Structure formats: structure tokens, C-alpha cells
Amino acid sequence: MTESWATFGADLHLELGTGGQAGGAGGRGVRAGLVAALREAVRSGRLAAGTRLPSSRQLAADLGVARNTVADAYAELVAAGWLTARQGSGTRVAARPVPPARPPERTGPAYSLVPGSPDLAGFPRAAWLAAARRALTEAPHEAFGYGDPRGRNELRVVLAEYLARARGVYADPGRVVTCAGFVHGLQLLGRVLLDRGVRAVGVDPYTLDIHRDLLAGAGLTTVPVEPSELPGEGVGAVLLTPAHQFPTGSALSAERRAELVGWARESGGWLLEDDYDGEFRYDRQLVGALQGLDPERVVYFGTASKSLAPGLRIGWLVVPAALLDEVVGAKGLSDWTSSALEQLTLAQFMASGAYDRHVRAMRLRYRRRRDQLCAALAEGAPHVRVSGVAAGLHAVLELPPGTERSVVAAAAGLGLRVEGLSRYRHPDSVRPPRSALVVGYASPPDSAWSPTLSTLCAALRATGPHGRRNSSPPGGAAQPPGAGRVRGAGPG
């Protein structure tokens, strides 16, 4: 009976490269072709060191050659050092000396204060692992199916309780929809708004370009809404970050909140509230979410990206009743969501109190970082003012007019990556541009924090208080990255 191919050993995909037939008597040509093919597979790295090869009997059957041909080829390669053969271990690819690796060339800046990321080293691995174990142990069988487009009910119940308690959000679990972060949620709302006839969305004069691009990709026009004005005619929704505006760092006043809610009620428009870092306020008690003023006109967006880590890809929407079916329908069509196990893990993590403990710990850390930044600037670059409320993971450094570009260039020359406020300015804004830096202080590691601040102050001094490059800047010459230590800039 013909032996089935399914019973053969590992397929090495060898090309013997001989003029004769592989099924011959095992002459020198076949053996030489086999030796060459195996040597090339090892040399190219396709067969890695330690890879176990089929037995001579099995490979002979695979190739249709005599067993002695394979055994002789193996023996020749063992003698040449390409293979090893040990009793009980079979024939394996021999380890080969690896030339010493060249030190990697630095392709980026030594330090970075680019905003947008939390302290990833602070992710609570042990507590998250404990929650994941509980979630996996207690997960019902149906949790491994497709499930409700709104997400796991266990997480939606816990989120509703937390948001009501910590953010002042009216959040019935049935109106909570989980998503894969803010970007995913904004895509869903963009689709729903367009289907409802909205054609223009108001945004802050300074905002993330990726958010404007997402709305444009959905077929919506973005219109800058100045802080002293109400949305103009034709604007059907407004995207805003009321607790801590990104990137300017301001907080929406009570009067402005009331004005915008009044506009939404009178015009039938919608407010899209991005509460991206609402848990982190340092100078006063946390300000509640705008959504609490009118749950039927405000769509609330929240995520774990700043409080835990963006890699989790977990976010949530609290949706007005009038939009709920459409948002759930759009979510079901996209079928893009975080995994059920991650949702169940977050539910366990929050229900156990670990989330609250983590947020409190990170709030203290980020507050120390911001205080150290302010102290370093007061000492090393006193002509620079920190604006905005004491909150979040970033600060805005107000520069003398016309100096932003030169400061960014000076920082780059010293190995520090920073971003200017102009990078976020809406192209249609009528407001005069401001010279400022948007500095993210959460992500630099402790070991780099002090030299990062020293380098920032050096870059600010290098341009001077009037924007001219100084050959001898105030407070001493610009120091290279890592030089010196800024007082008050210890581990945060």
C-alpha cells in the first residue's frame, strides 16, 4: 500500500539541484545535491541553530532516495561542522559563531517630551495579571462568542458605576458602548452623524489633526469654533475636551459649558466630550464631566489609554438615547472592538478597587513631574511661563512671540524632541498664532528625567527671552544632553 504523505516527517523544502532524478540509487550526484541544499538552508538561516532534522530513514522516504544517501550526506555535514549528531538527540543544525553586532546608530533624539503617552513603565502588571486570572476563571462560556456589539455587560455595569461616582456622568449600563479607543469611537459617531444629515463639526482652534482627519474621512467638514463664540450656522456637532483642553491646557468655564449646552438644546446639535485625562487634576478637586449637564445632548468618550495604557485598546461611549441604536448598529457593522477577555479583565480590575488605587498613584506621580518641570523652568528659563490648569499629562510653555520654531530647532540640536503649539493649529483658525511648546512630562523614564529637563532649559536659554540665538545664553552656556542636574527633578 502506498504510504500517505500525511505520515511523513518535517518537510524541509529542499531543492537537490542535480541533473538526475531524486529517486535514483543514491549516487554521488544526488548526495552532493542534498549536501548543497542542506548547507544552503543552514547558511541562509532558514534552518536555525538547534533545529532538529528528520531521521535519515524519514528524509529518505520524503525525498525518494536511498537511506544511505541521506546518512552519508548527514555524516559529511557533521564532519564539516554544519550539523551535530548525538545519541538520543538526533541530528541538529549546529550553532555557528555570530559576528559581533555593530552598536546601533542613533536614529532619533536622545530625549523626548512629545505629549500623548502615559508612563508605560507604571502599568500595574501584577494587579492586571491577578484580574486577568479571575476574569478567565469566571468567564462564562458565551463570553468566547461574538456577543453584544455594546461590549461585555460586566464591564458596562462597572463603568457606569465608576463614571457616575468619579466623573459625574449619567451612565446607565444599557447606554454604555465599548470600543477600541477614542479613534474608534469617533469613527462610529462620524458615521452616525453623517447619516443624520450633519455636514460640519465644530472643533477647537487648536486640536489634534488626526481627529480632524478622521472626521474629514467620514465626510464631515471641521470648523474652528473660537472660545468666545457659539458654533455657526450649519454646524451640527462640536468636539471638545472640557476638563483639560488638548493641547492648550485650559479648562472650560462653567459659563462656557452652559453656553454650549444651551446651543445644543436650541439647535438640536450634539456635543462630543473627549474626557481623555479627566482623572488627573492637581490644583483643585476634579471637575465633573460636561455630560452630567445634559445626557441627552452630550456623547461622552472615555478610554483607558491615559489612565492605564493605549495598548489595551479599550474605550467607551455613553450615548444619548436618541443615538443609541444607530451607534450600536454602526459598531456591529465595523466589528472592531477590544477582546472580551480584556473587557472582563478591566471589569475585574475596576471592581476590585485596583483601578482607583492605580489612578491615585499615577496622579501623585504626574503631579510631582509637573511640579518639577515648573521648578526647573523657574530656575533655568525664567522668561518662559507655564500656562493652563495644573492637570493631565502635558503642559504648555508660553514663549516670546515668534520664537517657537527656533526653540524647537535648538532643542533638536541638543537631542531633545519637542513639539510646538502651531503643530495643532486648525488651518482655518482666525486667531493669531501663539508661540508655545506642548510638553508631555509623563513618559520620560526616571533615569532620563533630570537630563531631559536640563536639556529643555538649555534649549530655551539658547534662544534667549527675545527669540535671538545667544552665543552665551543667560545662566551659562547651553549644556549638552545629560549635563548637570536640575534641582527638584529627581525620580517622580
Protein backbone atom coordinates (compact mmCIF):
# COMPACT_ATOMS: atom_id res chain seq x y z
CA MET A 1 0.00 0.00 0.00
CA THR A 2 1.31 3.47 -0.86
CA GLU A 3 2.36 5.40 2.24
CA SER A 4 0.36 8.57 2.81
CA TRP A 5 2.18 11.92 2.66
CA ALA A 6 0.46 12.72 5.96
CA THR A 7 2.74 10.20 7.74
CA PHE A 8 5.96 11.85 6.56
CA GLY A 9 8.21 13.88 8.84
CA ALA A 10 9.15 17.53 8.61
CA ASP A 11 9.10 18.92 5.09
CA LEU A 12 12.42 20.69 4.63
CA HIS A 13 11.51 22.09 1.20
CA LEU A 14 14.88 21.04 -0.23
CA GLU A 15 15.83 21.58 -3.86
CA LEU A 16 18.50 18.98 -4.58
CA GLY A 17 19.77 20.83 -7.64
CA THR A 18 21.03 17.75 -9.53
CA GLY A 19 20.53 16.80 -13.10
CA GLY A 20 19.43 13.27 -12.19
CA GLN A 21 16.21 12.04 -10.60
CA ALA A 22 15.83 12.11 -6.84
CA GLY A 23 14.62 8.57 -6.91
CA GLY A 24 17.90 7.16 -8.24
CA ALA A 25 20.20 4.75 -6.49
CA GLY A 26 21.72 7.36 -4.25
CA GLY A 27 24.79 8.14 -6.33
CA ARG A 28 27.27 10.89 -5.79
CA GLY A 29 25.22 13.45 -7.73
CA VAL A 30 22.15 13.06 -5.51
CA ARG A 31 24.24 13.08 -2.34
CA ALA A 32 26.14 16.19 -3.47
CA GLY A 33 22.86 17.92 -4.30
CA LEU A 34 21.46 17.03 -0.88
CA VAL A 35 24.61 18.25 0.89
CA ALA A 36 24.50 21.53 -1.02
CA ALA A 37 20.78 22.05 -0.34
CA LEU A 38 21.14 21.41 3.39
CA ARG A 39 24.22 23.63 3.63
CA GLU A 40 22.42 26.49 1.87
CA ALA A 41 19.37 26.11 4.12
CA VAL A 42 21.64 26.45 7.17
CA ARG A 43 23.78 29.24 5.68
CA SER A 44 20.74 31.35 4.78
CA GLY A 45 19.27 30.97 8.25
CA ARG A 46 16.16 29.15 7.06
CA LEU A 47 17.18 26.26 9.28
CA ALA A 48 18.14 27.90 12.55
CA ALA A 49 20.72 26.62 15.01
CA GLY A 50 19.28 23.80 17.11
CA THR A 51 16.66 22.78 14.55
CA ARG A 52 16.17 19.02 14.67
CA LEU A 53 16.28 17.33 11.25
CA PRO A 54 14.26 14.28 10.24
CA SER A 55 15.87 10.89 10.69
CA SER A 56 17.79 9.55 7.71
CA ARG A 57 15.02 6.98 7.17
CA GLN A 58 12.29 9.63 7.19
CA LEU A 59 14.10 12.13 4.96
CA ALA A 60 14.99 9.36 2.51
CA ALA A 61 11.30 8.47 2.28
CA ASP A 62 10.34 12.14 1.85
CA LEU A 63 12.84 12.64 -0.99
CA GLY A 64 12.51 9.20 -2.56
CA VAL A 65 16.23 8.40 -2.26
CA ALA A 66 18.21 5.62 -0.61
CA ARG A 67 18.65 5.88 3.16
CA ASN A 68 22.42 5.52 2.82
CA THR A 69 22.47 8.62 0.60
CA VAL A 70 20.91 10.71 3.37
CA ALA A 71 23.08 9.12 6.07
CA ASP A 72 26.23 9.88 4.07
CA ALA A 73 25.09 13.48 3.47
CA TYR A 74 24.40 13.95 7.19
CA ALA A 75 27.81 12.48 8.08
CA GLU A 76 29.60 14.81 5.65
CA LEU A 77 27.86 17.88 7.09
CA VAL A 78 28.56 16.74 10.65
CA ALA A 79 32.25 16.38 9.82
CA ALA A 80 32.25 19.86 8.26
CA GLY A 81 30.61 21.40 11.35
CA TRP A 82 27.27 22.29 9.78
CA LEU A 83 25.32 19.67 11.77
CA THR A 84 25.69 17.84 15.07
CA ALA A 85 24.69 14.27 15.85
CA ARG A 86 24.32 12.89 19.35
CA GLN A 87 22.88 9.64 20.61
CA GLY A 88 19.30 10.23 21.71
CA SER A 89 19.24 13.80 20.43
CA GLY A 90 19.16 13.12 16.72
CA THR A 91 20.72 15.29 14.04
CA ARG A 92 20.52 19.03 14.58
CA VAL A 93 21.74 22.22 12.96
CA ALA A 94 25.00 23.21 14.65
CA ALA A 95 25.43 26.56 16.37
CA ARG A 96 27.51 28.94 14.27
CA PRO A 97 29.63 31.81 15.54
CA VAL A 98 27.81 35.12 15.18
CA PRO A 99 29.93 38.15 14.31
CA PRO A 100 29.72 40.86 16.97
CA ALA A 101 26.85 43.19 16.30
CA ARG A 102 27.69 46.75 15.43
CA PRO A 103 26.42 49.19 18.00
CA PRO A 104 23.12 50.61 16.78
CA GLU A 105 23.34 54.04 15.27
CA ARG A 106 21.22 56.64 16.97
CA THR A 107 18.41 57.47 14.60
CA GLY A 108 16.35 59.68 16.89
CA PRO A 109 16.69 62.22 19.66
CA ALA A 110 18.20 61.24 22.99
CA TYR A 111 15.23 62.66 24.91
CA SER A 112 11.59 63.32 24.15
CA LEU A 113 8.87 65.48 25.67
CA VAL A 114 6.31 64.74 22.97
CA PRO A 115 2.85 64.60 24.58
CA GLY A 116 0.27 61.86 24.26
CA SER A 117 1.57 58.92 26.27
CA PRO A 118 1.24 57.97 29.94
CA ASP A 119 4.03 56.40 31.97
CA LEU A 120 4.05 52.95 30.38
CA ALA A 121 6.55 51.65 32.95
CA GLY A 122 3.92 52.32 35.59
CA PHE A 123 1.44 49.83 34.15
CA PRO A 124 0.21 47.70 37.09
CA ARG A 125 1.29 44.33 35.74
CA ALA A 126 0.80 42.27 38.89
CA ALA A 127 -2.67 43.63 39.64
CA TRP A 128 -3.68 43.31 35.98
CA LEU A 129 -2.45 39.70 35.89
CA ALA A 130 -4.47 38.87 39.01
CA ALA A 131 -7.55 40.43 37.41
CA ALA A 132 -6.92 38.52 34.16
CA ARG A 133 -6.73 35.23 36.04
CA ARG A 134 -10.01 35.90 37.82
CA ALA A 135 -11.63 37.01 34.57
CA LEU A 136 -10.54 33.88 32.71
CA THR A 137 -11.56 31.59 35.56
CA GLU A 138 -15.01 33.13 35.96
CA ALA A 139 -15.79 33.87 32.31
CA PRO A 140 -18.96 32.14 31.12
CA HIS A 141 -18.72 30.01 28.00
CA GLU A 142 -20.71 32.52 25.96
CA ALA A 143 -18.02 35.15 26.60
CA PHE A 144 -15.92 33.44 23.92
CA GLY A 145 -18.59 34.04 21.28
CA TYR A 146 -19.37 37.18 19.26
CA GLY A 147 -21.53 38.80 21.90
CA ASP A 148 -23.34 42.13 22.20
CA PRO A 149 -21.93 44.93 19.98
CA ARG A 150 -22.11 47.20 23.03
CA GLY A 151 -19.49 45.04 24.75
CA ARG A 152 -19.46 42.80 27.81
CA ASN A 153 -22.22 43.64 30.26
CA GLU A 154 -19.86 43.02 33.20
CA LEU A 155 -17.66 45.90 32.09
CA ARG A 156 -20.54 48.21 31.19
CA VAL A 157 -22.05 47.81 34.66
CA VAL A 158 -18.75 48.56 36.39
CA LEU A 159 -18.07 51.51 34.07
CA ALA A 160 -21.50 53.01 34.74
CA GLU A 161 -20.86 52.91 38.50
CA TYR A 162 -17.35 54.33 38.20
CA LEU A 163 -18.26 57.14 35.80
CA ALA A 164 -21.18 58.24 37.94
CA ARG A 165 -19.00 58.25 41.07
CA ALA A 166 -15.74 59.65 39.72
CA ARG A 167 -16.76 61.80 36.75
CA GLY A 168 -20.35 62.85 37.44
CA VAL A 169 -21.60 61.07 34.32
CA TYR A 170 -25.16 59.79 33.97
CA ALA A 171 -24.32 56.33 32.66
CA ASP A 172 -26.98 53.66 32.52
CA PRO A 173 -25.18 50.39 31.57
CA GLY A 174 -27.52 49.96 28.63
CA ARG A 175 -26.25 53.22 27.13
CA VAL A 176 -22.55 52.37 27.53
CA VAL A 177 -20.89 51.13 24.34
CA THR A 178 -17.32 49.81 24.49
CA CYS A 179 -14.94 50.46 21.64
CA ALA A 180 -11.26 50.15 20.76
CA GLY A 181 -10.24 53.59 21.96
CA PHE A 182 -11.25 57.17 21.19
CA VAL A 183 -10.37 56.98 17.50
CA HIS A 184 -12.71 54.03 17.02
CA GLY A 185 -15.48 55.81 18.92
CA LEU A 186 -15.06 58.97 16.85
CA GLN A 187 -15.27 56.94 13.65
CA LEU A 188 -18.55 55.44 14.83
CA LEU A 189 -20.01 58.85 15.70
CA GLY A 190 -18.78 60.36 12.45
CA ARG A 191 -20.68 57.72 10.51
CA VAL A 192 -23.85 58.19 12.59
CA LEU A 193 -23.75 61.99 12.36
CA LEU A 194 -23.28 61.91 8.60
CA ASP A 195 -26.27 59.56 8.23
CA ARG A 196 -28.29 62.03 10.31
CA GLY A 197 -27.51 64.87 7.94
CA VAL A 198 -24.72 66.58 9.85
CA ARG A 199 -22.16 68.04 7.48
CA ALA A 200 -19.93 70.20 9.72
CA VAL A 201 -18.41 69.57 13.14
CA GLY A 202 -17.02 72.37 15.28
CA VAL A 203 -13.58 71.87 16.84
CA ASP A 204 -11.25 73.97 18.99
CA PRO A 205 -8.88 76.26 17.08
CA TYR A 206 -6.06 74.09 18.44
CA THR A 207 -6.76 70.37 18.30
CA LEU A 208 -5.28 67.09 17.13
CA ASP A 209 -5.01 66.86 13.38
CA ILE A 210 -5.75 63.12 13.47
CA HIS A 211 -9.19 63.89 14.89
CA ARG A 212 -9.85 66.43 12.16
CA ASP A 213 -8.66 63.91 9.58
CA LEU A 214 -10.96 61.20 10.96
CA LEU A 215 -13.97 63.46 10.72
CA ALA A 216 -12.95 64.52 7.22
CA GLY A 217 -12.59 60.86 6.28
CA ALA A 218 -16.19 60.32 7.39
CA GLY A 219 -17.31 63.07 5.00
CA LEU A 220 -17.59 65.83 7.61
CA THR A 221 -16.08 69.31 7.48
CA THR A 222 -14.34 70.63 10.60
CA VAL A 223 -14.88 74.27 11.53
CA PRO A 224 -12.84 76.05 14.24
CA VAL A 225 -15.08 77.45 16.97
CA GLU A 226 -13.48 80.34 18.80
CA PRO A 227 -13.72 80.32 22.63
CA SER A 228 -15.80 83.50 22.71
CA GLU A 229 -18.29 82.38 20.06
CA LEU A 230 -21.05 79.84 19.62
CA PRO A 231 -20.96 77.38 16.71
CA GLY A 232 -22.03 79.00 13.47
CA GLU A 233 -24.87 78.10 11.18
CA GLY A 234 -24.54 74.67 9.60
CA VAL A 235 -22.52 73.17 12.45
CA GLY A 236 -24.34 70.09 13.75
CA ALA A 237 -21.93 68.90 16.43
CA VAL A 238 -18.94 70.14 18.43
CA LEU A 239 -15.95 68.05 19.52
CA LEU A 240 -14.32 69.35 22.70
CA THR A 241 -12.14 68.40 25.71
CA PRO A 242 -13.76 70.44 28.50
CA ALA A 243 -11.90 69.11 31.58
CA HIS A 244 -8.42 69.81 30.19
CA GLN A 245 -8.29 71.07 26.64
CA PHE A 246 -5.75 69.42 24.41
CA PRO A 247 -3.36 70.93 23.61
CA THR A 248 -3.78 74.39 25.19
CA GLY A 249 -4.28 73.02 28.72
CA SER A 250 -7.26 75.23 29.58
CA ALA A 251 -10.46 74.09 31.31
CA LEU A 252 -13.91 75.02 30.09
CA SER A 253 -15.51 77.55 32.44
CA ALA A 254 -18.94 76.99 33.94
CA GLU A 255 -20.32 79.84 31.81
CA ARG A 256 -18.91 78.36 28.61
CA ARG A 257 -20.28 74.91 29.49
CA ALA A 258 -23.73 76.38 29.97
CA GLU A 259 -23.49 78.29 26.67
CA LEU A 260 -22.60 75.18 24.69
CA VAL A 261 -25.27 73.02 26.32
CA GLY A 262 -27.81 75.76 25.59
CA TRP A 263 -26.68 75.84 21.96
CA ALA A 264 -27.07 72.05 21.66
CA ARG A 265 -30.60 72.15 23.11
CA GLU A 266 -31.78 75.02 20.95
CA SER A 267 -30.18 73.92 17.69
CA GLY A 268 -30.60 70.17 18.07
CA GLY A 269 -26.82 69.80 17.83
CA TRP A 270 -24.59 67.35 19.64
CA LEU A 271 -21.61 67.82 21.96
CA LEU A 272 -18.88 65.17 21.70
CA GLU A 273 -16.99 65.21 25.01
CA ASP A 274 -13.49 63.70 24.98
CA ASP A 275 -12.67 63.13 28.67
CA TYR A 276 -9.22 61.76 27.85
CA ASP A 277 -7.46 62.65 31.15
CA GLY A 278 -10.30 63.78 33.39
CA GLU A 279 -8.99 61.79 36.38
CA PHE A 280 -5.82 63.90 36.60
CA ARG A 281 -6.40 67.32 38.16
CA TYR A 282 -3.83 68.59 40.65
CA ASP A 283 -4.70 72.13 41.77
CA ARG A 284 -8.25 71.50 42.94
CA GLN A 285 -10.99 68.91 43.20
CA LEU A 286 -11.75 67.11 39.96
CA VAL A 287 -14.19 68.90 37.66
CA GLY A 288 -17.11 66.72 36.63
CA ALA A 289 -17.85 65.80 33.04
CA LEU A 290 -19.91 68.08 30.81
CA GLN A 291 -22.21 65.15 30.07
CA GLY A 292 -23.81 65.46 33.51
CA LEU A 293 -25.41 68.76 32.44
CA ASP A 294 -27.40 67.14 29.63
CA PRO A 295 -27.02 63.39 28.99
CA GLU A 296 -29.38 63.64 26.02
CA ARG A 297 -27.26 66.13 24.04
CA VAL A 298 -23.72 65.05 25.04
CA VAL A 299 -21.90 61.94 23.84
CA TYR A 300 -19.28 61.05 26.44
CA PHE A 301 -15.98 59.46 25.34
CA GLY A 302 -13.62 57.80 27.81
CA THR A 303 -10.66 55.45 27.43
CA ALA A 304 -8.04 53.53 29.39
CA SER A 305 -5.33 54.97 27.13
CA LYS A 306 -4.12 57.66 29.57
CA SER A 307 -5.14 56.09 32.88
CA LEU A 308 -3.62 52.68 32.07
CA ALA A 309 -2.07 52.21 28.63
CA PRO A 310 -3.07 52.86 24.99
CA GLY A 311 -2.02 49.34 24.01
CA LEU A 312 -5.06 47.90 25.80
CA ARG A 313 -7.29 49.40 23.06
CA ILE A 314 -10.28 49.81 25.37
CA GLY A 315 -12.56 52.80 25.30
CA TRP A 316 -16.20 53.55 25.98
CA LEU A 317 -19.03 55.81 24.91
CA VAL A 318 -22.03 56.91 26.94
CA VAL A 319 -24.61 57.60 24.26
CA PRO A 320 -27.83 59.67 24.33
CA ALA A 321 -30.94 57.54 23.94
CA ALA A 322 -31.74 59.08 20.56
CA LEU A 323 -28.41 57.92 19.10
CA LEU A 324 -28.01 54.57 20.84
CA ASP A 325 -29.49 52.24 18.22
CA GLU A 326 -27.56 53.92 15.43
CA VAL A 327 -24.25 53.79 17.30
CA VAL A 328 -24.77 50.13 18.23
CA GLY A 329 -25.68 49.39 14.62
CA ALA A 330 -22.53 51.10 13.35
CA LYS A 331 -20.48 49.23 15.94
CA GLY A 332 -21.92 45.90 14.84
CA LEU A 333 -21.09 46.66 11.21
CA SER A 334 -17.48 47.57 11.95
CA ASP A 335 -16.97 44.54 14.24
CA TRP A 336 -13.80 46.26 15.53
CA THR A 337 -13.56 46.01 19.26
CA SER A 338 -11.35 45.01 22.15
CA SER A 339 -11.40 41.35 23.08
CA ALA A 340 -13.97 40.02 25.52
CA LEU A 341 -11.23 38.78 27.84
CA GLU A 342 -9.63 42.23 28.01
CA GLN A 343 -13.02 43.73 28.81
CA LEU A 344 -13.65 41.16 31.52
CA THR A 345 -10.17 41.78 32.92
CA LEU A 346 -10.79 45.53 33.11
CA ALA A 347 -14.13 44.86 34.79
CA GLN A 348 -12.40 42.74 37.44
CA PHE A 349 -9.62 45.31 37.79
CA MET A 350 -12.07 48.14 38.40
CA ALA A 351 -14.43 46.17 40.65
CA SER A 352 -11.54 45.13 42.92
CA GLY A 353 -10.54 48.75 43.56
CA ALA A 354 -7.21 48.30 41.77
CA TYR A 355 -8.12 50.88 39.13
CA ASP A 356 -8.82 53.57 41.74
CA ARG A 357 -5.57 52.78 43.54
CA HIS A 358 -3.61 52.95 40.30
CA VAL A 359 -5.16 56.27 39.26
CA ARG A 360 -4.38 57.79 42.67
CA ALA A 361 -0.76 56.61 42.49
CA MET A 362 -0.29 57.96 38.96
CA ARG A 363 -1.99 61.23 39.89
CA LEU A 364 0.66 61.78 42.57
CA ARG A 365 3.45 60.84 40.18
CA TYR A 366 2.30 63.11 37.40
CA ARG A 367 1.74 65.98 39.84
CA ARG A 368 5.34 65.64 41.05
CA ARG A 369 6.55 65.60 37.46
CA ARG A 370 4.64 68.78 36.65
CA ASP A 371 5.90 70.49 39.81
CA GLN A 372 9.48 69.52 38.93
CA LEU A 373 9.02 70.86 35.41
CA CYS A 374 7.78 74.20 36.75
CA ALA A 375 10.62 74.40 39.28
CA ALA A 376 13.23 73.63 36.62
CA LEU A 377 11.86 76.34 34.33
CA ALA A 378 11.71 78.91 37.13
CA GLU A 379 15.39 78.30 37.78
CA GLY A 380 16.76 77.57 34.32
CA ALA A 381 14.48 79.55 31.96
CA PRO A 382 12.57 82.16 33.97
CA HIS A 383 11.43 84.01 30.85
CA VAL A 384 9.15 81.04 29.98
CA ARG A 385 5.67 80.84 31.54
CA VAL A 386 3.65 77.65 32.11
CA SER A 387 0.02 78.24 31.14
CA GLY A 388 -3.14 76.20 31.52
CA VAL A 389 -4.55 74.42 34.56
CA ALA A 390 -2.45 72.02 36.64
CA ALA A 391 -3.82 68.80 35.21
CA GLY A 392 -3.22 65.95 32.83
CA LEU A 393 -0.02 64.65 31.31
CA HIS A 394 1.16 67.75 29.46
CA ALA A 395 1.86 71.44 29.99
CA VAL A 396 2.03 74.43 27.67
CA LEU A 397 5.13 76.63 27.83
CA GLU A 398 4.40 80.14 26.60
CA LEU A 399 7.31 81.56 24.58
CA PRO A 400 8.13 85.07 23.45
CA PRO A 401 6.30 85.85 20.19
CA GLY A 402 7.93 84.45 17.10
CA THR A 403 10.34 82.12 18.93
CA GLU A 404 8.59 78.76 18.70
CA ARG A 405 10.37 77.48 15.62
CA SER A 406 13.82 78.50 16.85
CA VAL A 407 13.26 76.83 20.22
CA VAL A 408 12.14 73.57 18.60
CA ALA A 409 15.22 73.68 16.36
CA ALA A 410 17.52 74.44 19.32
CA ALA A 411 16.05 71.51 21.25
CA ALA A 412 16.55 69.19 18.29
CA GLY A 413 20.16 70.29 18.06
CA LEU A 414 20.63 69.26 21.70
CA GLY A 415 18.98 65.86 21.19
CA LEU A 416 15.54 66.73 22.60
CA ARG A 417 12.32 66.28 20.67
CA VAL A 418 9.59 68.77 21.50
CA GLU A 419 6.50 69.95 19.64
CA GLY A 420 5.31 73.48 19.08
CA LEU A 421 1.72 74.55 19.62
CA SER A 422 1.46 75.55 15.96
CA ARG A 423 1.54 71.86 15.03
CA TYR A 424 -2.05 71.62 16.37
CA ARG A 425 -3.50 74.83 14.93
CA HIS A 426 -6.52 74.44 12.67
CA PRO A 427 -5.65 75.82 9.21
CA ASP A 428 -8.87 77.84 9.13
CA SER A 429 -8.47 79.43 12.55
CA VAL A 430 -8.65 83.22 12.57
CA ARG A 431 -6.95 83.57 15.94
CA PRO A 432 -3.40 84.98 15.86
CA PRO A 433 -0.93 82.11 16.28
CA ARG A 434 0.73 81.67 19.67
CA SER A 435 4.38 80.76 20.26
CA ALA A 436 4.42 77.88 22.73
CA LEU A 437 5.66 74.37 23.37
CA VAL A 438 3.38 71.45 24.24
CA VAL A 439 5.42 69.37 26.68
CA GLY A 440 4.48 65.83 27.70
CA TYR A 441 6.03 65.08 31.08
CA ALA A 442 4.55 61.64 31.84
CA SER A 443 6.56 59.27 29.67
CA PRO A 444 10.30 60.03 30.15
CA PRO A 445 11.88 57.32 32.34
CA ASP A 446 13.18 58.31 35.75
CA SER A 447 16.77 57.82 34.63
CA ALA A 448 16.31 60.38 31.84
CA TRP A 449 14.05 62.87 33.61
CA SER A 450 16.72 65.15 35.07
CA PRO A 451 18.84 65.39 31.89
CA THR A 452 15.67 65.90 29.86
CA LEU A 453 14.76 68.94 31.94
CA SER A 454 18.34 70.24 31.78
CA THR A 455 18.29 69.95 28.00
CA LEU A 456 14.91 71.67 27.75
CA CYS A 457 16.15 74.62 29.81
CA ALA A 458 19.33 74.77 27.72
CA ALA A 459 17.28 74.96 24.52
CA LEU A 460 15.11 77.71 25.96
CA ARG A 461 18.14 79.69 27.10
CA ALA A 462 19.84 79.20 23.72
CA THR A 463 17.23 81.37 22.02
CA GLY A 464 17.03 83.90 24.82
CA PRO A 465 13.99 85.83 26.06
CA HIS A 466 13.66 87.74 22.77
CA GLY A 467 13.98 84.82 20.39
CA ARG A 468 17.54 85.51 19.24
CA ARG A 469 20.07 82.75 19.44
CA ASN A 470 22.58 83.53 22.13
CA SER A 471 26.20 82.58 21.88
CA SER A 472 26.31 82.92 25.67
CA PRO A 473 22.77 82.42 26.90
CA PRO A 474 21.59 83.67 30.27
CA GLY A 475 22.55 81.35 33.08
CA GLY A 476 25.53 79.86 31.29
CA ALA A 477 26.25 78.11 28.03
CA ALA A 478 23.75 75.65 26.62
CA GLN A 479 24.60 72.27 28.08
CA PRO A 480 24.72 69.09 26.06
CA PRO A 481 22.14 66.39 26.77
CA GLY A 482 22.65 64.81 30.16
CA ALA A 483 24.89 67.55 31.54
CA GLY A 484 24.17 68.73 35.05
CA ARG A 485 21.13 68.09 37.20
CA VAL A 486 18.14 70.35 37.62
CA ARG A 487 17.20 70.91 41.25
CA GLY A 488 13.92 69.28 42.17
CA ALA A 489 13.97 66.91 39.18
CA GLY A 490 14.50 63.63 40.98
CA PRO A 491 12.55 60.46 40.17
CA GLY A 492 8.84 61.27 40.01
